């Protein structure tokens, strides 16, 4: 059974991995880079700072830091050294089968995906905090694109991504309930002003800025890809 799952995982990777398009190569090289998403992270901090008092802001900021540490240490500090599953980019049996971009291979081990664990943890954590449908779509689109970029670049098997996404979602949900229990006494709900605020008190117009930054980041990735394909 395990051998069949591993075989299917490899076949699915080869189906989803890479392309003959330098333009798509450039897009996913940009998307997979954490630096590309710094404006989105800064905008999230701005929205949190603007819509919370000092106590709630400090609690949320502290828990966000712990969330990232826990999700990263769980994937990279615990699971990867324990399972020792070679990345497709380092697996001798996958040599010549996996499409790599610029010979980018990343670290040695792949299970579970740190990108998937971290992005899904952050996505579900802030989606539950913001409680805005379009922002939730943005957060999970970011997590899915970042995660798929690892398959496209030949750095993770789909099973690595799935396990990371499930683990990250559980971690993010757990941290949300910790946040909720710590802030319940002084959380302001604005259900009567739902057109202006979310049910958890965030201004909808501030979340529109977050959505715009996400779209602007995608536009940057497209421009980067155009230059990348022109150079290659």
C-alpha atoms as a PDB file:
ATOM      1  CA  UNK A   1       0.000   0.000   0.000  1.00  0.00           C
ATOM      2  CA  UNK A   2       2.787   2.439   0.944  1.00  0.00           C
ATOM      3  CA  UNK A   3       4.712   1.571  -2.221  1.00  0.00           C
ATOM      4  CA  UNK A   4       1.608   2.233  -4.324  1.00  0.00           C
ATOM      5  CA  UNK A   5       1.104   5.635  -2.698  1.00  0.00           C
ATOM      6  CA  UNK A   6       4.750   6.554  -3.267  1.00  0.00           C
ATOM      7  CA  UNK A   7       4.508   5.453  -6.903  1.00  0.00           C
ATOM      8  CA  UNK A   8       1.340   7.477  -7.427  1.00  0.00           C
ATOM      9  CA  UNK A   9       2.972  10.479  -5.731  1.00  0.00           C
ATOM     10  CA  UNK A  10       5.887  10.316  -8.159  1.00  0.00           C
ATOM     11  CA  UNK A  11       3.646   9.962 -11.203  1.00  0.00           C
ATOM     12  CA  UNK A  12       1.531  12.905 -10.071  1.00  0.00           C
ATOM     13  CA  UNK A  13       4.672  14.988  -9.584  1.00  0.00           C
ATOM     14  CA  UNK A  14       5.835  14.259 -13.129  1.00  0.00           C
ATOM     15  CA  UNK A  15       2.396  15.261 -14.430  1.00  0.00           C
ATOM     16  CA  UNK A  16       2.313  18.561 -12.526  1.00  0.00           C
ATOM     17  CA  UNK A  17       5.999  19.487 -12.595  1.00  0.00           C
ATOM     18  CA  UNK A  18       7.544  22.030 -14.933  1.00  0.00           C
ATOM     19  CA  UNK A  19       6.745  23.092 -18.490  1.00  0.00           C
ATOM     20  CA  UNK A  20       8.435  24.165 -21.689  1.00  0.00           C
ATOM     21  CA  UNK A  21       7.614  27.788 -20.945  1.00  0.00           C
ATOM     22  CA  UNK A  22      10.355  30.119 -19.693  1.00  0.00           C
ATOM     23  CA  UNK A  23       7.574  32.579 -18.839  1.00  0.00           C
ATOM     24  CA  UNK A  24       5.915  30.128 -16.438  1.00  0.00           C
ATOM     25  CA  UNK A  25       9.334  29.245 -15.046  1.00  0.00           C
ATOM     26  CA  UNK A  26       9.815  32.914 -14.199  1.00  0.00           C
ATOM     27  CA  UNK A  27       6.390  33.245 -12.606  1.00  0.00           C
ATOM     28  CA  UNK A  28       6.888  30.312 -10.254  1.00  0.00           C
ATOM     29  CA  UNK A  29      10.458  31.290  -9.421  1.00  0.00           C
ATOM     30  CA  UNK A  30       9.042  34.616  -8.291  1.00  0.00           C
ATOM     31  CA  UNK A  31       6.076  33.125  -6.452  1.00  0.00           C
ATOM     32  CA  UNK A  32       8.203  30.606  -4.540  1.00  0.00           C
ATOM     33  CA  UNK A  33      10.462  33.358  -3.162  1.00  0.00           C
ATOM     34  CA  UNK A  34       9.507  34.569   0.323  1.00  0.00           C
ATOM     35  CA  UNK A  35      10.891  38.001  -0.558  1.00  0.00           C
ATOM     36  CA  UNK A  36       8.229  38.439  -3.244  1.00  0.00           C
ATOM     37  CA  UNK A  37       5.521  38.405  -0.586  1.00  0.00           C
ATOM     38  CA  UNK A  38       7.091  40.876   1.857  1.00  0.00           C
ATOM     39  CA  UNK A  39       4.683  43.686   0.787  1.00  0.00           C
ATOM     40  CA  UNK A  40       1.745  41.364   1.552  1.00  0.00           C
ATOM     41  CA  UNK A  41       3.148  40.527   5.001  1.00  0.00           C
ATOM     42  CA  UNK A  42       3.742  44.216   5.778  1.00  0.00           C
ATOM     43  CA  UNK A  43       0.207  45.046   4.669  1.00  0.00           C
ATOM     44  CA  UNK A  44      -1.191  42.363   6.968  1.00  0.00           C
ATOM     45  CA  UNK A  45       0.718  43.913   9.876  1.00  0.00           C
ATOM     46  CA  UNK A  46      -0.638  47.345   8.903  1.00  0.00           C
ATOM     47  CA  UNK A  47      -4.228  46.071   8.884  1.00  0.00           C
ATOM     48  CA  UNK A  48      -3.727  44.391  12.257  1.00  0.00           C
ATOM     49  CA  UNK A  49      -2.087  47.490  13.759  1.00  0.00           C
ATOM     50  CA  UNK A  50      -4.787  49.859  12.502  1.00  0.00           C
ATOM     51  CA  UNK A  51      -7.723  47.743  13.659  1.00  0.00           C
ATOM     52  CA  UNK A  52      -6.619  46.699  17.144  1.00  0.00           C
ATOM     53  CA  UNK A  53      -5.803  48.335  20.426  1.00  0.00           C
ATOM     54  CA  UNK A  54      -2.295  47.920  21.812  1.00  0.00           C
ATOM     55  CA  UNK A  55      -3.072  44.833  23.905  1.00  0.00           C
ATOM     56  CA  UNK A  56      -4.771  42.897  21.125  1.00  0.00           C
ATOM     57  CA  UNK A  57      -2.072  43.952  18.650  1.00  0.00           C
ATOM     58  CA  UNK A  58       0.760  42.736  20.865  1.00  0.00           C
ATOM     59  CA  UNK A  59      -0.998  39.432  21.569  1.00  0.00           C
ATOM     60  CA  UNK A  60      -1.693  38.879  17.876  1.00  0.00           C
ATOM     61  CA  UNK A  61       1.846  39.847  16.879  1.00  0.00           C
ATOM     62  CA  UNK A  62       3.376  37.556  19.501  1.00  0.00           C
ATOM     63  CA  UNK A  63       1.170  34.623  18.532  1.00  0.00           C
ATOM     64  CA  UNK A  64       1.907  35.205  14.831  1.00  0.00           C
ATOM     65  CA  UNK A  65       5.634  35.003  15.571  1.00  0.00           C
ATOM     66  CA  UNK A  66       5.132  31.786  17.571  1.00  0.00           C
ATOM     67  CA  UNK A  67       2.906  30.397  14.814  1.00  0.00           C
ATOM     68  CA  UNK A  68       5.646  30.826  12.212  1.00  0.00           C
ATOM     69  CA  UNK A  69       8.280  29.351  14.534  1.00  0.00           C
ATOM     70  CA  UNK A  70       6.146  26.321  15.440  1.00  0.00           C
ATOM     71  CA  UNK A  71       5.068  25.568  11.860  1.00  0.00           C
ATOM     72  CA  UNK A  72       8.618  25.963  10.535  1.00  0.00           C
ATOM     73  CA  UNK A  73      10.185  23.876  13.300  1.00  0.00           C
ATOM     74  CA  UNK A  74       7.531  21.179  12.895  1.00  0.00           C
ATOM     75  CA  UNK A  75       8.159  20.820   9.161  1.00  0.00           C
ATOM     76  CA  UNK A  76      11.895  21.508   8.893  1.00  0.00           C
ATOM     77  CA  UNK A  77      13.130  20.729  12.395  1.00  0.00           C
ATOM     78  CA  UNK A  78      11.064  17.614  13.139  1.00  0.00           C
ATOM     79  CA  UNK A  79       9.498  15.987  10.070  1.00  0.00           C
ATOM     80  CA  UNK A  80      12.271  16.380   7.493  1.00  0.00           C
ATOM     81  CA  UNK A  81      15.060  14.990   9.697  1.00  0.00           C
ATOM     82  CA  UNK A  82      12.750  12.186  10.875  1.00  0.00           C
ATOM     83  CA  UNK A  83      11.417  10.979   7.494  1.00  0.00           C
ATOM     84  CA  UNK A  84      14.577  11.683   5.458  1.00  0.00           C
ATOM     85  CA  UNK A  85      12.648  11.702   2.182  1.00  0.00           C
ATOM     86  CA  UNK A  86      14.878  13.086  -0.551  1.00  0.00           C
ATOM     87  CA  UNK A  87      13.570  15.968  -2.600  1.00  0.00           C
ATOM     88  CA  UNK A  88      12.797  15.084  -6.237  1.00  0.00           C
ATOM     89  CA  UNK A  89      15.620  17.466  -7.126  1.00  0.00           C
ATOM     90  CA  UNK A  90      18.076  15.359  -5.078  1.00  0.00           C
ATOM     91  CA  UNK A  91      16.645  11.876  -5.642  1.00  0.00           C
ATOM     92  CA  UNK A  92      18.933   9.862  -7.991  1.00  0.00           C
ATOM     93  CA  UNK A  93      15.939   7.839  -9.209  1.00  0.00           C
ATOM     94  CA  UNK A  94      14.275  11.073 -10.436  1.00  0.00           C
ATOM     95  CA  UNK A  95      17.372  12.428 -12.166  1.00  0.00           C
ATOM     96  CA  UNK A  96      16.549  13.471 -15.723  1.00  0.00           C
ATOM     97  CA  UNK A  97      12.802  13.045 -15.139  1.00  0.00           C
ATOM     98  CA  UNK A  98      12.104  16.155 -13.085  1.00  0.00           C
ATOM     99  CA  UNK A  99      12.193  19.596 -14.691  1.00  0.00           C
ATOM    100  CA  UNK A 100      14.359  21.978 -12.679  1.00  0.00           C
ATOM    101  CA  UNK A 101      14.583  25.736 -13.262  1.00  0.00           C
ATOM    102  CA  UNK A 102      18.085  27.263 -13.246  1.00  0.00           C
ATOM    103  CA  UNK A 103      19.208  24.021 -11.566  1.00  0.00           C
ATOM    104  CA  UNK A 104      17.543  25.254  -8.368  1.00  0.00           C
ATOM    105  CA  UNK A 105      17.472  22.263  -5.974  1.00  0.00           C
ATOM    106  CA  UNK A 106      16.947  23.717  -2.460  1.00  0.00           C
ATOM    107  CA  UNK A 107      17.689  21.584   0.628  1.00  0.00           C
ATOM    108  CA  UNK A 108      18.101  17.815   0.807  1.00  0.00           C
ATOM    109  CA  UNK A 109      14.811  16.599   2.312  1.00  0.00           C
ATOM    110  CA  UNK A 110      11.215  17.211   1.318  1.00  0.00           C
ATOM    111  CA  UNK A 111       8.661  15.646   3.693  1.00  0.00           C
ATOM    112  CA  UNK A 112       6.816  17.655   4.770  1.00  0.00           C
ATOM    113  CA  UNK A 113       6.818  20.880   2.761  1.00  0.00           C
ATOM    114  CA  UNK A 114       7.821  23.877   4.852  1.00  0.00           C
ATOM    115  CA  UNK A 115       6.286  26.247   2.297  1.00  0.00           C
ATOM    116  CA  UNK A 116       2.931  24.468   2.499  1.00  0.00           C
ATOM    117  CA  UNK A 117       2.998  24.189   6.296  1.00  0.00           C
ATOM    118  CA  UNK A 118       3.886  27.839   6.854  1.00  0.00           C
ATOM    119  CA  UNK A 119       1.611  29.376   4.228  1.00  0.00           C
ATOM    120  CA  UNK A 120      -1.457  27.335   5.163  1.00  0.00           C
ATOM    121  CA  UNK A 121      -0.878  28.012   8.866  1.00  0.00           C
ATOM    122  CA  UNK A 122      -0.761  31.755   8.210  1.00  0.00           C
ATOM    123  CA  UNK A 123      -3.642  31.624   5.714  1.00  0.00           C
ATOM    124  CA  UNK A 124      -6.123  29.899   8.000  1.00  0.00           C
ATOM    125  CA  UNK A 125      -4.989  31.866  11.071  1.00  0.00           C
ATOM    126  CA  UNK A 126      -5.582  35.264   9.488  1.00  0.00           C
ATOM    127  CA  UNK A 127      -8.675  34.161   7.574  1.00  0.00           C
ATOM    128  CA  UNK A 128     -10.311  33.242  10.881  1.00  0.00           C
ATOM    129  CA  UNK A 129      -9.175  36.521  12.428  1.00  0.00           C
ATOM    130  CA  UNK A 130     -10.252  38.809   9.561  1.00  0.00           C
ATOM    131  CA  UNK A 131     -13.503  36.941   8.732  1.00  0.00           C
ATOM    132  CA  UNK A 132     -13.859  38.432   5.247  1.00  0.00           C
ATOM    133  CA  UNK A 133     -14.761  36.169   2.332  1.00  0.00           C
ATOM    134  CA  UNK A 134     -12.658  37.854  -0.349  1.00  0.00           C
ATOM    135  CA  UNK A 135      -9.664  38.117   1.977  1.00  0.00           C
ATOM    136  CA  UNK A 136      -9.999  34.404   2.717  1.00  0.00           C
ATOM    137  CA  UNK A 137      -9.876  33.721  -1.038  1.00  0.00           C
ATOM    138  CA  UNK A 138      -6.729  35.876  -1.253  1.00  0.00           C
ATOM    139  CA  UNK A 139      -5.016  34.135   1.661  1.00  0.00           C
ATOM    140  CA  UNK A 140      -5.666  30.638   0.368  1.00  0.00           C
ATOM    141  CA  UNK A 141      -4.804  31.625  -3.208  1.00  0.00           C
ATOM    142  CA  UNK A 142      -1.429  32.770  -1.866  1.00  0.00           C
ATOM    143  CA  UNK A 143      -0.960  29.497   0.029  1.00  0.00           C
ATOM    144  CA  UNK A 144      -1.973  27.360  -2.958  1.00  0.00           C
ATOM    145  CA  UNK A 145       0.210  29.251  -5.439  1.00  0.00           C
ATOM    146  CA  UNK A 146       3.217  29.142  -3.110  1.00  0.00           C
ATOM    147  CA  UNK A 147       2.699  25.438  -2.492  1.00  0.00           C
ATOM    148  CA  UNK A 148       2.196  24.517  -6.148  1.00  0.00           C
ATOM    149  CA  UNK A 149       5.343  26.470  -7.064  1.00  0.00           C
ATOM    150  CA  UNK A 150       7.332  23.845  -5.128  1.00  0.00           C
ATOM    151  CA  UNK A 151       5.877  21.060  -7.285  1.00  0.00           C
ATOM    152  CA  UNK A 152       6.371  23.042 -10.491  1.00  0.00           C
ATOM    153  CA  UNK A 153      10.032  23.641  -9.638  1.00  0.00           C
ATOM    154  CA  UNK A 154      10.599  19.971  -8.788  1.00  0.00           C
ATOM    155  CA  UNK A 155      11.316  20.602  -5.116  1.00  0.00           C
ATOM    156  CA  UNK A 156       8.434  18.678  -3.533  1.00  0.00           C
ATOM    157  CA  UNK A 157       6.167  15.758  -4.234  1.00  0.00           C
ATOM    158  CA  UNK A 158       2.408  16.427  -4.086  1.00  0.00           C
ATOM    159  CA  UNK A 159       2.254  14.272  -0.948  1.00  0.00           C
ATOM    160  CA  UNK A 160       4.731  16.606   0.756  1.00  0.00           C
ATOM    161  CA  UNK A 161       2.462  19.532  -0.089  1.00  0.00           C
ATOM    162  CA  UNK A 162      -0.727  17.800   1.058  1.00  0.00           C
ATOM    163  CA  UNK A 163       0.803  16.761   4.383  1.00  0.00           C
ATOM    164  CA  UNK A 164       2.193  20.274   4.876  1.00  0.00           C
ATOM    165  CA  UNK A 165      -1.138  21.893   4.043  1.00  0.00           C
ATOM    166  CA  UNK A 166      -3.028  19.682   6.512  1.00  0.00           C
ATOM    167  CA  UNK A 167      -0.409  20.203   9.241  1.00  0.00           C
ATOM    168  CA  UNK A 168      -0.315  23.959   8.670  1.00  0.00           C
ATOM    169  CA  UNK A 169      -4.111  24.206   8.721  1.00  0.00           C
ATOM    170  CA  UNK A 170      -4.256  22.387  12.052  1.00  0.00           C
ATOM    171  CA  UNK A 171      -1.498  24.560  13.523  1.00  0.00           C
ATOM    172  CA  UNK A 172      -3.145  27.760  12.258  1.00  0.00           C
ATOM    173  CA  UNK A 173      -6.528  26.734  13.653  1.00  0.00           C
ATOM    174  CA  UNK A 174      -4.993  25.883  17.011  1.00  0.00           C
ATOM    175  CA  UNK A 175      -3.258  29.232  17.255  1.00  0.00           C
ATOM    176  CA  UNK A 176      -6.492  31.032  16.316  1.00  0.00           C
ATOM    177  CA  UNK A 177      -8.286  29.430  19.254  1.00  0.00           C
ATOM    178  CA  UNK A 178      -5.413  30.422  21.545  1.00  0.00           C
ATOM    179  CA  UNK A 179      -5.726  33.993  20.243  1.00  0.00           C
ATOM    180  CA  UNK A 180      -9.495  33.926  20.718  1.00  0.00           C
ATOM    181  CA  UNK A 181      -9.226  32.695  24.302  1.00  0.00           C
ATOM    182  CA  UNK A 182      -6.680  35.411  25.160  1.00  0.00           C
ATOM    183  CA  UNK A 183      -8.660  38.272  23.608  1.00  0.00           C
ATOM    184  CA  UNK A 184     -12.288  37.257  24.200  1.00  0.00           C
ATOM    185  CA  UNK A 185     -12.758  39.670  27.100  1.00  0.00           C
ATOM    186  CA  UNK A 186     -11.932  42.779  25.074  1.00  0.00           C
ATOM    187  CA  UNK A 187     -12.893  41.815  21.501  1.00  0.00           C
ATOM    188  CA  UNK A 188     -15.350  44.240  19.925  1.00  0.00           C
ATOM    189  CA  UNK A 189     -17.897  42.757  17.524  1.00  0.00           C
ATOM    190  CA  UNK A 190     -19.598  45.047  15.013  1.00  0.00           C
ATOM    191  CA  UNK A 191     -22.284  42.838  13.512  1.00  0.00           C
ATOM    192  CA  UNK A 192     -24.616  45.833  13.055  1.00  0.00           C
ATOM    193  CA  UNK A 193     -22.145  47.543  10.707  1.00  0.00           C
ATOM    194  CA  UNK A 194     -21.362  44.562   8.495  1.00  0.00           C
ATOM    195  CA  UNK A 195     -21.028  46.719   5.372  1.00  0.00           C
ATOM    196  CA  UNK A 196     -18.151  48.664   6.952  1.00  0.00           C
ATOM    197  CA  UNK A 197     -16.642  46.115   9.352  1.00  0.00           C
ATOM    198  CA  UNK A 198     -16.190  42.373   9.505  1.00  0.00           C
ATOM    199  CA  UNK A 199     -17.811  40.519  12.394  1.00  0.00           C
ATOM    200  CA  UNK A 200     -14.451  40.591  14.215  1.00  0.00           C
ATOM    201  CA  UNK A 201     -14.095  44.371  13.936  1.00  0.00           C
ATOM    202  CA  UNK A 202     -11.819  44.835  10.910  1.00  0.00           C
ATOM    203  CA  UNK A 203     -12.549  47.658   8.483  1.00  0.00           C
ATOM    204  CA  UNK A 204     -13.491  46.217   5.095  1.00  0.00           C
ATOM    205  CA  UNK A 205     -11.741  49.068   3.259  1.00  0.00           C
ATOM    206  CA  UNK A 206      -8.455  48.138   4.980  1.00  0.00           C
ATOM    207  CA  UNK A 207      -8.867  44.554   3.801  1.00  0.00           C
ATOM    208  CA  UNK A 208      -9.410  45.908   0.282  1.00  0.00           C
ATOM    209  CA  UNK A 209      -5.869  47.306   0.510  1.00  0.00           C
ATOM    210  CA  UNK A 210      -4.607  43.835   1.410  1.00  0.00           C
ATOM    211  CA  UNK A 211      -6.413  42.376  -1.589  1.00  0.00           C
ATOM    212  CA  UNK A 212      -4.944  45.052  -3.872  1.00  0.00           C
ATOM    213  CA  UNK A 213      -1.423  44.333  -2.624  1.00  0.00           C
ATOM    214  CA  UNK A 214      -1.939  40.647  -3.431  1.00  0.00           C
ATOM    215  CA  UNK A 215      -2.978  41.498  -6.993  1.00  0.00           C
ATOM    216  CA  UNK A 216      -0.061  43.934  -7.341  1.00  0.00           C
ATOM    217  CA  UNK A 217       2.318  41.157  -6.223  1.00  0.00           C
ATOM    218  CA  UNK A 218       0.924  38.846  -8.896  1.00  0.00           C
ATOM    219  CA  UNK A 219       1.441  41.622 -11.444  1.00  0.00           C
ATOM    220  CA  UNK A 220       5.049  41.962 -10.285  1.00  0.00           C
ATOM    221  CA  UNK A 221       5.524  38.208 -10.787  1.00  0.00           C
ATOM    222  CA  UNK A 222       4.183  38.500 -14.333  1.00  0.00           C
ATOM    223  CA  UNK A 223       6.557  41.372 -15.116  1.00  0.00           C
ATOM    224  CA  UNK A 224       9.445  39.436 -13.565  1.00  0.00           C
ATOM    225  CA  UNK A 225       8.513  36.410 -15.679  1.00  0.00           C
ATOM    226  CA  UNK A 226       8.470  38.506 -18.842  1.00  0.00           C
ATOM    227  CA  UNK A 227      12.050  39.670 -18.186  1.00  0.00           C
ATOM    228  CA  UNK A 228      13.087  36.140 -17.186  1.00  0.00           C
ATOM    229  CA  UNK A 229      11.750  34.648 -20.423  1.00  0.00           C
ATOM    230  CA  UNK A 230      13.349  37.432 -22.457  1.00  0.00           C
ATOM    231  CA  UNK A 231      16.747  36.692 -20.872  1.00  0.00           C
ATOM    232  CA  UNK A 232      16.340  32.963 -21.493  1.00  0.00           C
END
